[in-house]
mmCIF file of all heavy atoms, coordinates in Angstrom:
data_MODEL
# 
_entry.id   MODEL 
# 
loop_
_atom_site.group_PDB 
_atom_site.id 
_atom_site.type_symbol 
_atom_site.label_atom_id 
_atom_site.label_alt_id 
_atom_site.label_comp_id 
_atom_site.label_asym_id 
_atom_site.label_entity_id 
_atom_site.label_seq_id 
_atom_site.pdbx_PDB_ins_code 
_atom_site.Cartn_x 
_atom_site.Cartn_y 
_atom_site.Cartn_z 
_atom_site.occupancy 
_atom_site.B_iso_or_equiv 
_atom_site.pdbx_formal_charge 
_atom_site.auth_seq_id 
_atom_site.auth_comp_id 
_atom_site.auth_asym_id 
_atom_site.auth_atom_id 
_atom_site.pdbx_PDB_model_num 
ATOM 1   N N   . VAL A 1 1  ? 5.147   2.263   -0.753  1.00 0.00 ? 1  VAL A N   1 
ATOM 2   C CA  . VAL A 1 1  ? 5.848   3.195   0.126   1.00 0.00 ? 1  VAL A CA  1 
ATOM 3   C C   . VAL A 1 1  ? 5.088   4.510   0.224   1.00 0.00 ? 1  VAL A C   1 
ATOM 4   O O   . VAL A 1 1  ? 4.329   4.866   -0.676  1.00 0.00 ? 1  VAL A O   1 
ATOM 5   C CB  . VAL A 1 1  ? 7.288   3.465   -0.377  1.00 0.00 ? 1  VAL A CB  1 
ATOM 6   C CG1 . VAL A 1 1  ? 8.128   2.192   -0.354  1.00 0.00 ? 1  VAL A CG1 1 
ATOM 7   C CG2 . VAL A 1 1  ? 7.280   4.078   -1.771  1.00 0.00 ? 1  VAL A CG2 1 
ATOM 8   N N   . LYS A 1 2  ? 5.335   5.227   1.308   1.00 0.00 ? 2  LYS A N   1 
ATOM 9   C CA  . LYS A 1 2  ? 4.754   6.556   1.478   1.00 0.00 ? 2  LYS A CA  1 
ATOM 10  C C   . LYS A 1 2  ? 5.564   7.598   0.713   1.00 0.00 ? 2  LYS A C   1 
ATOM 11  O O   . LYS A 1 2  ? 5.027   8.629   0.314   1.00 0.00 ? 2  LYS A O   1 
ATOM 12  C CB  . LYS A 1 2  ? 4.689   6.914   2.961   1.00 0.00 ? 2  LYS A CB  1 
ATOM 13  C CG  . LYS A 1 2  ? 3.726   6.042   3.737   1.00 0.00 ? 2  LYS A CG  1 
ATOM 14  C CD  . LYS A 1 2  ? 3.722   6.394   5.208   1.00 0.00 ? 2  LYS A CD  1 
ATOM 15  C CE  . LYS A 1 2  ? 2.770   5.463   5.958   1.00 0.00 ? 2  LYS A CE  1 
ATOM 16  N NZ  . LYS A 1 2  ? 2.785   5.731   7.398   1.00 0.00 ? 2  LYS A NZ  1 
ATOM 17  N N   . ASN A 1 3  ? 6.851   7.322   0.540   1.00 0.00 ? 3  ASN A N   1 
ATOM 18  C CA  . ASN A 1 3  ? 7.742   8.259   -0.129  1.00 0.00 ? 3  ASN A CA  1 
ATOM 19  C C   . ASN A 1 3  ? 8.807   7.459   -0.871  1.00 0.00 ? 3  ASN A C   1 
ATOM 20  O O   . ASN A 1 3  ? 9.495   6.642   -0.267  1.00 0.00 ? 3  ASN A O   1 
ATOM 21  C CB  . ASN A 1 3  ? 8.386   9.192   0.907   1.00 0.00 ? 3  ASN A CB  1 
ATOM 22  C CG  . ASN A 1 3  ? 9.315   10.202  0.297   1.00 0.00 ? 3  ASN A CG  1 
ATOM 23  O OD1 . ASN A 1 3  ? 10.347  9.846   -0.262  1.00 0.00 ? 3  ASN A OD1 1 
ATOM 24  N ND2 . ASN A 1 3  ? 8.961   11.474  0.415   1.00 0.00 ? 3  ASN A ND2 1 
ATOM 25  N N   . ARG A 1 4  ? 8.954   7.700   -2.149  1.00 0.00 ? 4  ARG A N   1 
ATOM 26  C CA  . ARG A 1 4  ? 9.903   6.922   -2.941  1.00 0.00 ? 4  ARG A CA  1 
ATOM 27  C C   . ARG A 1 4  ? 11.361  7.185   -2.562  1.00 0.00 ? 4  ARG A C   1 
ATOM 28  O O   . ARG A 1 4  ? 12.202  6.314   -2.753  1.00 0.00 ? 4  ARG A O   1 
ATOM 29  C CB  . ARG A 1 4  ? 9.700   7.199   -4.429  1.00 0.00 ? 4  ARG A CB  1 
ATOM 30  C CG  . ARG A 1 4  ? 8.467   6.524   -4.969  1.00 0.00 ? 4  ARG A CG  1 
ATOM 31  C CD  . ARG A 1 4  ? 8.386   6.668   -6.456  1.00 0.00 ? 4  ARG A CD  1 
ATOM 32  N NE  . ARG A 1 4  ? 7.211   5.970   -6.974  1.00 0.00 ? 4  ARG A NE  1 
ATOM 33  C CZ  . ARG A 1 4  ? 6.815   6.059   -8.207  1.00 0.00 ? 4  ARG A CZ  1 
ATOM 34  N NH1 . ARG A 1 4  ? 7.472   6.811   -9.077  1.00 0.00 ? 4  ARG A NH1 1 
ATOM 35  N NH2 . ARG A 1 4  ? 5.746   5.397   -8.607  1.00 0.00 ? 4  ARG A NH2 1 
ATOM 36  N N   . ASN A 1 5  ? 11.665  8.370   -2.063  1.00 0.00 ? 5  ASN A N   1 
ATOM 37  C CA  . ASN A 1 5  ? 13.052  8.659   -1.676  1.00 0.00 ? 5  ASN A CA  1 
ATOM 38  C C   . ASN A 1 5  ? 13.418  7.992   -0.366  1.00 0.00 ? 5  ASN A C   1 
ATOM 39  O O   . ASN A 1 5  ? 14.479  7.388   -0.242  1.00 0.00 ? 5  ASN A O   1 
ATOM 40  C CB  . ASN A 1 5  ? 13.299  10.170  -1.585  1.00 0.00 ? 5  ASN A CB  1 
ATOM 41  C CG  . ASN A 1 5  ? 13.350  10.806  -2.951  1.00 0.00 ? 5  ASN A CG  1 
ATOM 42  O OD1 . ASN A 1 5  ? 13.673  10.167  -3.944  1.00 0.00 ? 5  ASN A OD1 1 
ATOM 43  N ND2 . ASN A 1 5  ? 13.023  12.082  -3.012  1.00 0.00 ? 5  ASN A ND2 1 
ATOM 44  N N   . THR A 1 6  ? 12.545  8.122   0.625   1.00 0.00 ? 6  THR A N   1 
ATOM 45  C CA  . THR A 1 6  ? 12.846  7.553   1.943   1.00 0.00 ? 6  THR A CA  1 
ATOM 46  C C   . THR A 1 6  ? 12.499  6.071   2.017   1.00 0.00 ? 6  THR A C   1 
ATOM 47  O O   . THR A 1 6  ? 12.968  5.371   2.914   1.00 0.00 ? 6  THR A O   1 
ATOM 48  C CB  . THR A 1 6  ? 12.068  8.291   3.049   1.00 0.00 ? 6  THR A CB  1 
ATOM 49  O OG1 . THR A 1 6  ? 10.667  8.062   2.871   1.00 0.00 ? 6  THR A OG1 1 
ATOM 50  C CG2 . THR A 1 6  ? 12.395  9.775   3.047   1.00 0.00 ? 6  THR A CG2 1 
ATOM 51  N N   . LYS A 1 7  ? 11.670  5.620   1.090   1.00 0.00 ? 7  LYS A N   1 
ATOM 52  C CA  . LYS A 1 7  ? 11.194  4.227   1.063   1.00 0.00 ? 7  LYS A CA  1 
ATOM 53  C C   . LYS A 1 7  ? 10.428  3.862   2.335   1.00 0.00 ? 7  LYS A C   1 
ATOM 54  O O   . LYS A 1 7  ? 10.377  2.699   2.735   1.00 0.00 ? 7  LYS A O   1 
ATOM 55  C CB  . LYS A 1 7  ? 12.340  3.235   0.837   1.00 0.00 ? 7  LYS A CB  1 
ATOM 56  C CG  . LYS A 1 7  ? 13.088  3.410   -0.462  1.00 0.00 ? 7  LYS A CG  1 
ATOM 57  C CD  . LYS A 1 7  ? 12.253  2.989   -1.632  1.00 0.00 ? 7  LYS A CD  1 
ATOM 58  C CE  . LYS A 1 7  ? 13.097  3.012   -2.905  1.00 0.00 ? 7  LYS A CE  1 
ATOM 59  N NZ  . LYS A 1 7  ? 12.366  2.712   -4.079  1.00 0.00 ? 7  LYS A NZ  1 
ATOM 60  N N   . GLU A 1 8  ? 9.815   4.878   2.981   1.00 0.00 ? 8  GLU A N   1 
ATOM 61  C CA  . GLU A 1 8  ? 9.028   4.602   4.179   1.00 0.00 ? 8  GLU A CA  1 
ATOM 62  C C   . GLU A 1 8  ? 7.893   3.648   3.820   1.00 0.00 ? 8  GLU A C   1 
ATOM 63  O O   . GLU A 1 8  ? 7.108   3.919   2.910   1.00 0.00 ? 8  GLU A O   1 
ATOM 64  C CB  . GLU A 1 8  ? 8.460   5.900   4.756   1.00 0.00 ? 8  GLU A CB  1 
ATOM 65  C CG  . GLU A 1 8  ? 7.659   5.675   6.015   1.00 0.00 ? 8  GLU A CG  1 
ATOM 66  C CD  . GLU A 1 8  ? 7.042   6.953   6.574   1.00 0.00 ? 8  GLU A CD  1 
ATOM 67  O OE1 . GLU A 1 8  ? 7.365   8.052   6.077   1.00 0.00 ? 8  GLU A OE1 1 
ATOM 68  O OE2 . GLU A 1 8  ? 6.221   6.839   7.497   1.00 0.00 ? 8  GLU A OE2 1 
ATOM 69  N N   . PRO A 1 9  ? 7.804   2.503   4.507   1.00 0.00 ? 9  PRO A N   1 
ATOM 70  C CA  . PRO A 1 9  ? 6.786   1.503   4.188   1.00 0.00 ? 9  PRO A CA  1 
ATOM 71  C C   . PRO A 1 9  ? 5.371   2.046   4.332   1.00 0.00 ? 9  PRO A C   1 
ATOM 72  O O   . PRO A 1 9  ? 5.107   2.905   5.172   1.00 0.00 ? 9  PRO A O   1 
ATOM 73  C CB  . PRO A 1 9  ? 7.039   0.395   5.216   1.00 0.00 ? 9  PRO A CB  1 
ATOM 74  C CG  . PRO A 1 9  ? 8.437   0.612   5.695   1.00 0.00 ? 9  PRO A CG  1 
ATOM 75  C CD  . PRO A 1 9  ? 8.673   2.098   5.613   1.00 0.00 ? 9  PRO A CD  1 
ATOM 76  N N   . ALA A 1 10 ? 4.474   1.525   3.515   1.00 0.00 ? 10 ALA A N   1 
ATOM 77  C CA  . ALA A 1 10 ? 3.061   1.912   3.557   1.00 0.00 ? 10 ALA A CA  1 
ATOM 78  C C   . ALA A 1 10 ? 2.191   0.675   3.778   1.00 0.00 ? 10 ALA A C   1 
ATOM 79  O O   . ALA A 1 10 ? 1.454   0.245   2.887   1.00 0.00 ? 10 ALA A O   1 
ATOM 80  C CB  . ALA A 1 10 ? 2.684   2.633   2.262   1.00 0.00 ? 10 ALA A CB  1 
ATOM 81  N N   . PRO A 1 11 ? 2.252   0.078   4.984   1.00 0.00 ? 11 PRO A N   1 
ATOM 82  C CA  . PRO A 1 11 ? 1.473   -1.140  5.223   1.00 0.00 ? 11 PRO A CA  1 
ATOM 83  C C   . PRO A 1 11 ? -0.036  -0.930  5.171   1.00 0.00 ? 11 PRO A C   1 
ATOM 84  O O   . PRO A 1 11 ? -0.770  -1.822  4.736   1.00 0.00 ? 11 PRO A O   1 
ATOM 85  C CB  . PRO A 1 11 ? 1.928   -1.598  6.614   1.00 0.00 ? 11 PRO A CB  1 
ATOM 86  C CG  . PRO A 1 11 ? 2.500   -0.385  7.261   1.00 0.00 ? 11 PRO A CG  1 
ATOM 87  C CD  . PRO A 1 11 ? 3.047   0.466   6.148   1.00 0.00 ? 11 PRO A CD  1 
ATOM 88  N N   . GLU A 1 12 ? -0.513  0.239   5.589   1.00 0.00 ? 12 GLU A N   1 
ATOM 89  C CA  . GLU A 1 12 ? -1.958  0.500   5.542   1.00 0.00 ? 12 GLU A CA  1 
ATOM 90  C C   . GLU A 1 12 ? -2.433  0.525   4.098   1.00 0.00 ? 12 GLU A C   1 
ATOM 91  O O   . GLU A 1 12 ? -3.490  -0.023  3.765   1.00 0.00 ? 12 GLU A O   1 
ATOM 92  C CB  . GLU A 1 12 ? -2.295  1.836   6.229   1.00 0.00 ? 12 GLU A CB  1 
ATOM 93  C CG  . GLU A 1 12 ? -1.872  1.915   7.673   1.00 0.00 ? 12 GLU A CG  1 
ATOM 94  C CD  . GLU A 1 12 ? -0.418  2.394   7.853   1.00 0.00 ? 12 GLU A CD  1 
ATOM 95  O OE1 . GLU A 1 12 ? 0.245   2.775   6.854   1.00 0.00 ? 12 GLU A OE1 1 
ATOM 96  O OE2 . GLU A 1 12 ? 0.057   2.359   8.995   1.00 0.00 ? 12 GLU A OE2 1 
ATOM 97  N N   . ALA A 1 13 ? -1.657  1.179   3.246   1.00 0.00 ? 13 ALA A N   1 
ATOM 98  C CA  . ALA A 1 13 ? -2.000  1.229   1.824   1.00 0.00 ? 13 ALA A CA  1 
ATOM 99  C C   . ALA A 1 13 ? -1.950  -0.170  1.218   1.00 0.00 ? 13 ALA A C   1 
ATOM 100 O O   . ALA A 1 13 ? -2.762  -0.510  0.353   1.00 0.00 ? 13 ALA A O   1 
ATOM 101 C CB  . ALA A 1 13 ? -1.050  2.169   1.083   1.00 0.00 ? 13 ALA A CB  1 
ATOM 102 N N   . THR A 1 14 ? -1.026  -0.983  1.685   1.00 0.00 ? 14 THR A N   1 
ATOM 103 C CA  . THR A 1 14 ? -0.906  -2.344  1.171   1.00 0.00 ? 14 THR A CA  1 
ATOM 104 C C   . THR A 1 14 ? -2.159  -3.147  1.496   1.00 0.00 ? 14 THR A C   1 
ATOM 105 O O   . THR A 1 14 ? -2.700  -3.851  0.635   1.00 0.00 ? 14 THR A O   1 
ATOM 106 C CB  . THR A 1 14 ? 0.349   -3.026  1.755   1.00 0.00 ? 14 THR A CB  1 
ATOM 107 O OG1 . THR A 1 14 ? 1.484   -2.213  1.463   1.00 0.00 ? 14 THR A OG1 1 
ATOM 108 C CG2 . THR A 1 14 ? 0.547   -4.408  1.160   1.00 0.00 ? 14 THR A CG2 1 
ATOM 109 N N   . ASN A 1 15 ? -2.630  -3.022  2.719   1.00 0.00 ? 15 ASN A N   1 
ATOM 110 C CA  . ASN A 1 15 ? -3.862  -3.731  3.108   1.00 0.00 ? 15 ASN A CA  1 
ATOM 111 C C   . ASN A 1 15 ? -5.045  -3.260  2.278   1.00 0.00 ? 15 ASN A C   1 
ATOM 112 O O   . ASN A 1 15 ? -5.855  -4.076  1.821   1.00 0.00 ? 15 ASN A O   1 
ATOM 113 C CB  . ASN A 1 15 ? -4.145  -3.534  4.597   1.00 0.00 ? 15 ASN A CB  1 
ATOM 114 C CG  . ASN A 1 15 ? -3.147  -4.240  5.474   1.00 0.00 ? 15 ASN A CG  1 
ATOM 115 O OD1 . ASN A 1 15 ? -2.513  -5.206  5.068   1.00 0.00 ? 15 ASN A OD1 1 
ATOM 116 N ND2 . ASN A 1 15 ? -2.993  -3.749  6.691   1.00 0.00 ? 15 ASN A ND2 1 
ATOM 117 N N   . LEU A 1 16 ? -5.146  -1.964  2.087   1.00 0.00 ? 16 LEU A N   1 
ATOM 118 C CA  . LEU A 1 16 ? -6.241  -1.413  1.287   1.00 0.00 ? 16 LEU A CA  1 
ATOM 119 C C   . LEU A 1 16 ? -6.139  -1.884  -0.164  1.00 0.00 ? 16 LEU A C   1 
ATOM 120 O O   . LEU A 1 16 ? -7.146  -2.261  -0.772  1.00 0.00 ? 16 LEU A O   1 
ATOM 121 C CB  . LEU A 1 16 ? -6.227  0.117   1.358   1.00 0.00 ? 16 LEU A CB  1 
ATOM 122 C CG  . LEU A 1 16 ? -7.347  0.842   0.635   1.00 0.00 ? 16 LEU A CG  1 
ATOM 123 C CD1 . LEU A 1 16 ? -8.716  0.391   1.109   1.00 0.00 ? 16 LEU A CD1 1 
ATOM 124 C CD2 . LEU A 1 16 ? -7.185  2.355   0.823   1.00 0.00 ? 16 LEU A CD2 1 
ATOM 125 N N   . PHE A 1 17 ? -4.937  -1.886  -0.703  1.00 0.00 ? 17 PHE A N   1 
ATOM 126 C CA  . PHE A 1 17 ? -4.719  -2.351  -2.072  1.00 0.00 ? 17 PHE A CA  1 
ATOM 127 C C   . PHE A 1 17 ? -5.143  -3.813  -2.221  1.00 0.00 ? 17 PHE A C   1 
ATOM 128 O O   . PHE A 1 17 ? -5.842  -4.182  -3.174  1.00 0.00 ? 17 PHE A O   1 
ATOM 129 C CB  . PHE A 1 17 ? -3.242  -2.183  -2.458  1.00 0.00 ? 17 PHE A CB  1 
ATOM 130 C CG  . PHE A 1 17 ? -2.907  -2.752  -3.800  1.00 0.00 ? 17 PHE A CG  1 
ATOM 131 C CD1 . PHE A 1 17 ? -3.275  -2.087  -4.966  1.00 0.00 ? 17 PHE A CD1 1 
ATOM 132 C CD2 . PHE A 1 17 ? -2.216  -3.949  -3.920  1.00 0.00 ? 17 PHE A CD2 1 
ATOM 133 C CE1 . PHE A 1 17 ? -2.972  -2.613  -6.214  1.00 0.00 ? 17 PHE A CE1 1 
ATOM 134 C CE2 . PHE A 1 17 ? -1.904  -4.476  -5.149  1.00 0.00 ? 17 PHE A CE2 1 
ATOM 135 C CZ  . PHE A 1 17 ? -2.286  -3.810  -6.303  1.00 0.00 ? 17 PHE A CZ  1 
ATOM 136 N N   . MET A 1 18 ? -4.743  -4.641  -1.271  1.00 0.00 ? 18 MET A N   1 
ATOM 137 C CA  . MET A 1 18 ? -5.110  -6.068  -1.325  1.00 0.00 ? 18 MET A CA  1 
ATOM 138 C C   . MET A 1 18 ? -6.627  -6.240  -1.301  1.00 0.00 ? 18 MET A C   1 
ATOM 139 O O   . MET A 1 18 ? -7.167  -7.076  -2.031  1.00 0.00 ? 18 MET A O   1 
ATOM 140 C CB  . MET A 1 18 ? -4.469  -6.828  -0.164  1.00 0.00 ? 18 MET A CB  1 
ATOM 141 C CG  . MET A 1 18 ? -2.963  -6.954  -0.281  1.00 0.00 ? 18 MET A CG  1 
ATOM 142 S SD  . MET A 1 18 ? -2.241  -7.768  1.149   1.00 0.00 ? 18 MET A SD  1 
ATOM 143 C CE  . MET A 1 18 ? -2.971  -9.404  1.000   1.00 0.00 ? 18 MET A CE  1 
ATOM 144 N N   . GLU A 1 19 ? -7.301  -5.448  -0.484  1.00 0.00 ? 19 GLU A N   1 
ATOM 145 C CA  . GLU A 1 19 ? -8.764  -5.526  -0.399  1.00 0.00 ? 19 GLU A CA  1 
ATOM 146 C C   . GLU A 1 19 ? -9.407  -5.064  -1.702  1.00 0.00 ? 19 GLU A C   1 
ATOM 147 O O   . GLU A 1 19 ? -10.355 -5.689  -2.190  1.00 0.00 ? 19 GLU A O   1 
ATOM 148 C CB  . GLU A 1 19 ? -9.277  -4.705  0.784   1.00 0.00 ? 19 GLU A CB  1 
ATOM 149 C CG  . GLU A 1 19 ? -10.781 -4.709  0.939   1.00 0.00 ? 19 GLU A CG  1 
ATOM 150 C CD  . GLU A 1 19 ? -11.391 -6.087  1.152   1.00 0.00 ? 19 GLU A CD  1 
ATOM 151 O OE1 . GLU A 1 19 ? -10.688 -7.044  1.542   1.00 0.00 ? 19 GLU A OE1 1 
ATOM 152 O OE2 . GLU A 1 19 ? -12.610 -6.228  0.918   1.00 0.00 ? 19 GLU A OE2 1 
ATOM 153 N N   . GLN A 1 20 ? -8.896  -4.001  -2.280  1.00 0.00 ? 20 GLN A N   1 
ATOM 154 C CA  . GLN A 1 20 ? -9.421  -3.519  -3.564  1.00 0.00 ? 20 GLN A CA  1 
ATOM 155 C C   . GLN A 1 20 ? -9.204  -4.573  -4.662  1.00 0.00 ? 20 GLN A C   1 
ATOM 156 O O   . GLN A 1 20 ? -10.077 -4.785  -5.498  1.00 0.00 ? 20 GLN A O   1 
ATOM 157 C CB  . GLN A 1 20 ? -8.781  -2.185  -3.953  1.00 0.00 ? 20 GLN A CB  1 
ATOM 158 C CG  . GLN A 1 20 ? -9.197  -1.020  -3.092  1.00 0.00 ? 20 GLN A CG  1 
ATOM 159 C CD  . GLN A 1 20 ? -10.686 -0.716  -3.199  1.00 0.00 ? 20 GLN A CD  1 
ATOM 160 O OE1 . GLN A 1 20 ? -11.305 -0.860  -4.249  1.00 0.00 ? 20 GLN A OE1 1 
ATOM 161 N NE2 . GLN A 1 20 ? -11.268 -0.305  -2.093  1.00 0.00 ? 20 GLN A NE2 1 
ATOM 162 N N   . CYS A 1 21 ? -8.041  -5.216  -4.657  1.00 0.00 ? 21 CYS A N   1 
ATOM 163 C CA  . CYS A 1 21 ? -7.783  -6.285  -5.636  1.00 0.00 ? 21 CYS A CA  1 
ATOM 164 C C   . CYS A 1 21 ? -8.769  -7.433  -5.437  1.00 0.00 ? 21 CYS A C   1 
ATOM 165 O O   . CYS A 1 21 ? -9.324  -7.961  -6.409  1.00 0.00 ? 21 CYS A O   1 
ATOM 166 C CB  . CYS A 1 21 ? -6.349  -6.795  -5.511  1.00 0.00 ? 21 CYS A CB  1 
ATOM 167 S SG  . CYS A 1 21 ? -5.103  -5.712  -6.216  1.00 0.00 ? 21 CYS A SG  1 
ATOM 168 N N   . ARG A 1 22 ? -8.998  -7.803  -4.180  1.00 0.00 ? 22 ARG A N   1 
ATOM 169 C CA  . ARG A 1 22 ? -9.935  -8.897  -3.889  1.00 0.00 ? 22 ARG A CA  1 
ATOM 170 C C   . ARG A 1 22 ? -11.322 -8.571  -4.417  1.00 0.00 ? 22 ARG A C   1 
ATOM 171 O O   . ARG A 1 22 ? -11.971 -9.406  -5.038  1.00 0.00 ? 22 ARG A O   1 
ATOM 172 C CB  . ARG A 1 22 ? -9.998  -9.165  -2.382  1.00 0.00 ? 22 ARG A CB  1 
ATOM 173 C CG  . ARG A 1 22 ? -10.858 -10.385 -2.025  1.00 0.00 ? 22 ARG A CG  1 
ATOM 174 C CD  . ARG A 1 22 ? -11.190 -10.432 -0.553  1.00 0.00 ? 22 ARG A CD  1 
ATOM 175 N NE  . ARG A 1 22 ? -11.987 -9.303  -0.110  1.00 0.00 ? 22 ARG A NE  1 
ATOM 176 C CZ  . ARG A 1 22 ? -13.304 -9.144  -0.349  1.00 0.00 ? 22 ARG A CZ  1 
ATOM 177 N NH1 . ARG A 1 22 ? -13.964 -10.037 -1.040  1.00 0.00 ? 22 ARG A NH1 1 
ATOM 178 N NH2 . ARG A 1 22 ? -13.946 -8.071  0.105   1.00 0.00 ? 22 ARG A NH2 1 
ATOM 179 N N   . LYS A 1 23 ? -11.750 -7.332  -4.210  1.00 0.00 ? 23 LYS A N   1 
ATOM 180 C CA  . LYS A 1 23 ? -13.059 -6.915  -4.715  1.00 0.00 ? 23 LYS A CA  1 
ATOM 181 C C   . LYS A 1 23 ? -13.121 -7.018  -6.236  1.00 0.00 ? 23 LYS A C   1 
ATOM 182 O O   . LYS A 1 23 ? -14.178 -7.268  -6.801  1.00 0.00 ? 23 LYS A O   1 
ATOM 183 C CB  . LYS A 1 23 ? -13.368 -5.483  -4.284  1.00 0.00 ? 23 LYS A CB  1 
ATOM 184 C CG  . LYS A 1 23 ? -13.705 -5.348  -2.827  1.00 0.00 ? 23 LYS A CG  1 
ATOM 185 C CD  . LYS A 1 23 ? -13.960 -3.888  -2.459  1.00 0.00 ? 23 LYS A CD  1 
ATOM 186 C CE  . LYS A 1 23 ? -14.262 -3.736  -0.994  1.00 0.00 ? 23 LYS A CE  1 
ATOM 187 N NZ  . LYS A 1 23 ? -14.425 -2.307  -0.627  1.00 0.00 ? 23 LYS A NZ  1 
ATOM 188 N N   . GLY A 1 24 ? -11.986 -6.824  -6.886  1.00 0.00 ? 24 GLY A N   1 
ATOM 189 C CA  . GLY A 1 24 ? -11.927 -6.926  -8.342  1.00 0.00 ? 24 GLY A CA  1 
ATOM 190 C C   . GLY A 1 24 ? -11.753 -8.349  -8.846  1.00 0.00 ? 24 GLY A C   1 
ATOM 191 O O   . GLY A 1 24 ? -11.744 -8.586  -10.051 1.00 0.00 ? 24 GLY A O   1 
# 
C-alpha cells in the first residue's frame, strides 16, 4: 500500500518488488 491508514493500493511497487525478488 501507499498509505497504511487509507490502504491505497501500490500496484507499481508490487511489480517492482516482484522483479527485485526475481533478481534475487
